[in-house]
Amino acid sequence: MRIYISADMEGIAGISKWDETIKGRQDYERYREQMTREVAAACEAAIEAGADTILVKDAHEDGKNLLHELLPRTVKVISGWSNHPYCMVEGLDESFDAAIFIGYHCGSSSNGSTLSHTLYPDRIRKIIINGEDADEFLIHAYVCRMLGVPIAAVSGDGELMRHVKGFDEDIKTIALQEGFGGAMVSIHPDLAIERIRRGVKKALTEGELKKETQLPEQFEMTIEFKKHEDAYKYAFYPKAEQIGEYTIRYASDQYMDLLTFMLFL
């Protein structure tokens, strides 16, 4: 069994402020280790479920956060960024039996996390795809659909978990914290490890992983920027149009076109 894991950081247990997610800042090393432990728990569960190949994408910031030596020896890690349009799921292809998302967080239009954002928090106010607020999970879940790779499990904040269930109720969700106002309430980091290990193993061993390949026939994406000059700039991308002072629109019947456009933001 071949398993793909995409790992972000803002949805890791206990994280509540940006400094904890930025290299060189306060408590980063502590939460870098917790991120690694949560990914390791998912890997160990996958191995127990029969995985013989595990590929992990370090998908936070510069892609150099995971402590590879703390992961099982058979696990391969993609670090850094190749600038492939798949972005946070680069390296994923049709050969994988399941995908797992660890440490994910709710999107920029949500109040479910103190670190709510979508892709680039300093530039993008929100992204909407086909009328739905698009967080980083949704953007990359569509890649999984496009490739026919089922998503087995997702961990992160509770608000995102509710969104995941709305996307596909068969995905195993593992909520580790809840946001309210400027604060987060989190479960114990060791309990987070236990829940991820138990949840991932259950997702891979109980029930059937369905290879869903159905995508919308047409995609319409709007991006609202924080600066009007960015909307002006990106409206010059082929087939993009500016529809507001801060907003552009891009449409295509091929999801890969949207991914390629977002690569150039």
Protein backbone atom coordinates (compact mmCIF):
# COMPACT_ATOMS: atom_id res chain seq x y z
CA MET A 1 0.00 0.00 0.00
CA ARG A 2 1.33 3.42 -1.03
CA ILE A 3 0.47 6.36 1.27
CA TYR A 4 0.99 10.07 0.65
CA ILE A 5 1.06 12.58 3.55
CA SER A 6 0.91 16.38 3.26
CA ALA A 7 1.99 18.14 6.46
CA ASP A 8 1.28 21.75 7.43
CA MET A 9 1.96 23.41 10.78
CA GLU A 10 -0.81 25.85 11.78
CA GLY A 11 -3.16 22.97 12.65
CA ILE A 12 -0.69 21.21 14.94
CA ALA A 13 -1.84 20.77 18.56
CA GLY A 14 -1.10 23.75 20.80
CA ILE A 15 -0.19 26.33 18.15
CA SER A 16 -1.98 29.65 18.58
CA LYS A 17 0.28 32.43 17.25
CA TRP A 18 2.41 33.08 14.19
CA ASP A 19 5.72 33.20 16.08
CA GLU A 20 5.31 29.51 16.88
CA THR A 21 5.29 28.64 13.17
CA ILE A 22 8.14 30.82 11.87
CA LYS A 23 11.73 29.59 11.88
CA GLY A 24 13.92 31.45 14.35
CA ARG A 25 10.98 32.81 16.34
CA GLN A 26 9.75 32.02 19.85
CA ASP A 27 8.85 28.35 20.44
CA TYR A 28 9.29 27.37 16.76
CA GLU A 29 11.63 24.48 17.61
CA ARG A 30 9.15 23.15 20.15
CA TYR A 31 6.30 23.08 17.65
CA ARG A 32 8.53 21.85 14.86
CA GLU A 33 9.09 18.78 17.01
CA GLN A 34 5.36 18.43 17.69
CA MET A 35 4.66 18.68 13.95
CA THR A 36 7.19 15.89 13.39
CA ARG A 37 5.64 13.76 16.15
CA GLU A 38 2.18 14.10 14.64
CA VAL A 39 3.45 13.17 11.18
CA ALA A 40 5.38 10.25 12.71
CA ALA A 41 2.19 9.02 14.37
CA ALA A 42 0.41 9.03 11.00
CA CYS A 43 3.33 7.19 9.40
CA GLU A 44 3.46 4.57 12.14
CA ALA A 45 -0.28 3.99 11.85
CA ALA A 46 0.00 3.62 8.09
CA ILE A 47 2.79 1.07 8.48
CA GLU A 48 0.69 -0.88 10.98
CA ALA A 49 -2.15 -0.80 8.43
CA GLY A 50 0.10 -2.36 5.79
CA ALA A 51 1.80 0.57 4.02
CA ASP A 52 5.08 -0.36 2.38
CA THR A 53 5.68 3.08 0.81
CA ILE A 54 5.13 6.44 2.51
CA LEU A 55 5.96 9.79 0.93
CA VAL A 56 5.63 12.94 3.06
CA LYS A 57 5.52 16.51 1.73
CA ASP A 58 6.77 19.09 4.22
CA ALA A 59 4.23 21.74 3.16
CA HIS A 60 4.82 24.56 5.64
CA GLU A 61 6.72 27.79 4.85
CA ASP A 62 10.10 26.88 3.29
CA GLY A 63 9.33 23.15 3.37
CA LYS A 64 12.20 22.52 5.80
CA ASN A 65 10.46 21.87 9.13
CA LEU A 66 10.19 18.12 9.69
CA LEU A 67 12.94 16.35 11.62
CA HIS A 68 13.42 13.42 9.26
CA GLU A 69 15.43 11.42 11.80
CA LEU A 70 12.35 11.21 14.07
CA LEU A 71 10.24 9.57 11.35
CA PRO A 72 10.25 5.82 10.57
CA ARG A 73 13.31 4.87 8.50
CA THR A 74 11.25 3.79 5.49
CA VAL A 75 9.61 7.23 5.09
CA LYS A 76 10.75 9.55 2.33
CA VAL A 77 10.28 13.33 2.69
CA ILE A 78 9.95 16.01 0.03
CA SER A 79 11.52 19.14 1.51
CA GLY A 80 11.71 22.57 -0.07
CA TRP A 81 9.59 23.50 -3.09
CA SER A 82 9.96 22.39 -6.70
CA ASN A 83 7.42 25.04 -7.83
CA HIS A 84 5.08 22.37 -9.19
CA PRO A 85 1.42 23.45 -9.53
CA TYR A 86 0.33 20.74 -7.06
CA CYS A 87 1.97 22.90 -4.38
CA MET A 88 1.24 21.34 -0.95
CA VAL A 89 0.65 17.91 -2.51
CA GLU A 90 3.53 17.93 -4.98
CA GLY A 91 4.79 14.41 -5.59
CA LEU A 92 1.29 12.97 -5.47
CA ASP A 93 0.25 10.80 -8.43
CA GLU A 94 -2.27 8.12 -9.39
CA SER A 95 -0.13 5.32 -7.94
CA PHE A 96 -0.97 6.20 -4.31
CA ASP A 97 -3.71 4.28 -2.50
CA ALA A 98 -4.59 7.09 -0.09
CA ALA A 99 -3.66 10.61 1.01
CA ILE A 100 -3.51 11.98 4.56
CA PHE A 101 -3.41 15.66 5.57
CA ILE A 102 -1.74 16.47 8.92
CA GLY A 103 -1.66 19.87 10.68
CA TYR A 104 -4.09 21.61 8.33
CA HIS A 105 -6.10 24.70 9.30
CA CYS A 106 -9.25 26.57 8.34
CA GLY A 107 -9.20 29.16 5.57
CA SER A 108 -8.98 32.92 5.52
CA SER A 109 -12.76 33.42 5.60
CA SER A 110 -13.14 31.46 8.84
CA ASN A 111 -12.89 32.48 12.49
CA GLY A 112 -12.06 28.94 13.60
CA SER A 113 -8.37 29.59 14.17
CA THR A 114 -6.17 32.47 15.23
CA LEU A 115 -4.02 31.55 12.22
CA SER A 116 -6.81 31.30 9.63
CA HIS A 117 -5.45 31.94 6.14
CA THR A 118 -5.34 30.59 2.61
CA LEU A 119 -1.94 30.23 0.94
CA TYR A 120 -0.41 33.71 1.48
CA PRO A 121 -1.74 35.48 4.60
CA ASP A 122 0.14 38.68 3.85
CA ARG A 123 -1.44 39.08 0.39
CA ILE A 124 -4.71 37.16 0.05
CA ARG A 125 -7.89 38.03 1.91
CA LYS A 126 -9.87 35.08 0.55
CA ILE A 127 -10.25 32.62 -2.32
CA ILE A 128 -13.61 31.36 -3.53
CA ILE A 129 -14.03 28.42 -5.89
CA ASN A 130 -17.47 27.81 -7.39
CA GLY A 131 -19.08 29.92 -4.69
CA GLU A 132 -17.40 28.10 -1.80
CA ASP A 133 -14.75 29.53 0.49
CA ALA A 134 -11.60 27.69 -0.52
CA ASP A 135 -9.12 26.77 2.20
CA GLU A 136 -5.86 24.94 1.61
CA PHE A 137 -7.56 21.61 2.24
CA LEU A 138 -10.17 22.16 -0.49
CA ILE A 139 -7.61 23.41 -3.02
CA HIS A 140 -5.52 20.27 -2.60
CA ALA A 141 -8.42 17.87 -2.05
CA TYR A 142 -9.46 18.68 -5.62
CA VAL A 143 -5.98 17.57 -6.74
CA CYS A 144 -6.59 14.23 -5.02
CA ARG A 145 -9.95 13.97 -6.81
CA MET A 146 -8.33 14.85 -10.12
CA LEU A 147 -5.81 12.01 -9.64
CA GLY A 148 -8.32 9.53 -8.18
CA VAL A 149 -6.51 9.27 -4.84
CA PRO A 150 -8.91 8.93 -1.87
CA ILE A 151 -8.32 11.09 1.21
CA ALA A 152 -8.24 8.82 4.24
CA ALA A 153 -7.79 11.24 7.15
CA VAL A 154 -7.25 14.91 8.03
CA SER A 155 -6.07 16.46 11.31
CA GLY A 156 -6.21 20.08 12.43
CA ASP A 157 -8.60 22.59 13.97
CA GLY A 158 -12.25 21.78 14.58
CA GLU A 159 -13.63 24.32 12.13
CA LEU A 160 -11.66 22.76 9.29
CA MET A 161 -12.81 19.29 10.35
CA ARG A 162 -16.42 20.38 9.95
CA HIS A 163 -15.61 21.69 6.48
CA VAL A 164 -13.89 18.42 5.59
CA LYS A 165 -17.01 16.46 6.60
CA GLY A 166 -19.06 18.74 4.36
CA PHE A 167 -16.72 17.94 1.48
CA ASP A 168 -16.71 14.17 2.05
CA GLU A 169 -18.30 12.59 5.12
CA ASP A 170 -16.24 9.40 4.63
CA ILE A 171 -12.96 11.17 5.47
CA LYS A 172 -11.75 10.46 9.02
CA THR A 173 -11.38 13.81 10.80
CA ILE A 174 -9.12 14.33 13.82
CA ALA A 175 -9.80 17.62 15.63
CA LEU A 176 -6.97 18.78 17.89
CA GLN A 177 -8.02 22.33 18.82
CA GLU A 178 -10.75 24.97 18.52
CA GLY A 179 -10.37 28.69 17.96
CA PHE A 180 -12.43 31.47 19.53
CA GLY A 181 -11.63 35.14 19.14
CA GLY A 182 -7.89 35.55 19.58
CA ALA A 183 -7.38 32.27 21.43
CA MET A 184 -7.18 28.53 20.87
CA VAL A 185 -8.12 25.65 23.15
CA SER A 186 -6.05 22.55 22.42
CA ILE A 187 -5.92 18.99 23.61
CA HIS A 188 -2.71 17.67 25.21
CA PRO A 189 0.07 17.12 22.63
CA ASP A 190 0.50 13.48 23.66
CA LEU A 191 -3.24 12.89 23.30
CA ALA A 192 -3.04 14.44 19.81
CA ILE A 193 -0.42 11.82 18.90
CA GLU A 194 -2.65 9.03 20.18
CA ARG A 195 -5.69 10.30 18.30
CA ILE A 196 -3.80 10.67 15.03
CA ARG A 197 -2.33 7.19 15.30
CA ARG A 198 -5.70 5.66 16.14
CA GLY A 199 -7.62 7.72 13.56
CA VAL A 200 -5.26 7.08 10.65
CA LYS A 201 -5.08 3.34 11.33
CA LYS A 202 -8.86 3.14 11.50
CA ALA A 203 -9.23 5.11 8.28
CA LEU A 204 -6.87 2.77 6.43
CA THR A 205 -8.18 -0.54 7.80
CA GLU A 206 -11.91 -0.10 8.32
CA GLY A 207 -14.26 0.40 5.41
CA GLU A 208 -13.40 1.00 1.77
CA LEU A 209 -11.25 3.81 0.43
CA LYS A 210 -13.27 5.11 -2.52
CA LYS A 211 -11.36 6.43 -5.53
CA GLU A 212 -13.55 9.45 -6.22
CA THR A 213 -12.69 11.13 -9.52
CA GLN A 214 -15.72 13.34 -10.07
CA LEU A 215 -14.94 17.03 -10.39
CA PRO A 216 -17.13 20.01 -11.30
CA GLU A 217 -17.49 20.49 -15.05
CA GLN A 218 -16.52 24.15 -14.72
CA PHE A 219 -14.40 26.04 -12.19
CA GLU A 220 -14.79 29.71 -11.35
CA MET A 221 -12.31 31.17 -8.90
CA THR A 222 -12.27 34.63 -7.38
CA ILE A 223 -9.35 35.94 -5.36
CA GLU A 224 -9.67 38.97 -3.11
CA PHE A 225 -6.32 40.56 -2.32
CA LYS A 226 -5.40 42.77 0.61
CA LYS A 227 -3.84 45.36 -1.72
CA HIS A 228 -5.61 46.74 -4.77
CA GLU A 229 -2.34 46.85 -6.72
CA ASP A 230 -2.14 43.06 -6.54
CA ALA A 231 -5.58 42.72 -8.12
CA TYR A 232 -4.46 45.05 -10.88
CA LYS A 233 -1.23 43.09 -11.41
CA TYR A 234 -2.72 39.59 -11.56
CA ALA A 235 -5.57 40.66 -13.82
CA PHE A 236 -2.97 40.62 -16.61
CA TYR A 237 -2.61 36.83 -16.31
CA PRO A 238 -4.15 35.23 -19.45
CA LYS A 239 -7.95 34.83 -19.12
CA ALA A 240 -8.02 36.54 -15.70
CA GLU A 241 -10.13 39.67 -15.21
CA GLN A 242 -10.44 42.30 -12.52
CA ILE A 243 -14.00 42.45 -11.17
CA GLY A 244 -13.43 44.77 -8.21
CA GLU A 245 -10.83 47.03 -6.73
CA TYR A 246 -9.32 44.12 -4.80
CA THR A 247 -10.73 41.13 -6.67
CA ILE A 248 -9.95 39.12 -9.79
CA ARG A 249 -11.84 36.28 -11.47
CA TYR A 250 -10.47 33.27 -13.32
CA ALA A 251 -12.51 30.47 -14.92
CA SER A 252 -11.70 27.22 -16.72
CA ASP A 253 -13.10 23.73 -17.28
CA GLN A 254 -9.68 22.31 -16.30
CA TYR A 255 -8.70 22.37 -12.63
CA MET A 256 -5.04 22.20 -13.60
CA ASP A 257 -5.44 25.69 -15.09
CA LEU A 258 -6.45 27.06 -11.67
CA LEU A 259 -3.51 25.34 -10.01
CA THR A 260 -1.12 26.80 -12.57
CA PHE A 261 -2.57 30.28 -12.08
CA MET A 262 -2.18 30.05 -8.30
CA LEU A 263 1.44 29.01 -8.81
CA PHE A 264 2.20 32.48 -10.12
CA LEU A 265 0.57 34.43 -7.25
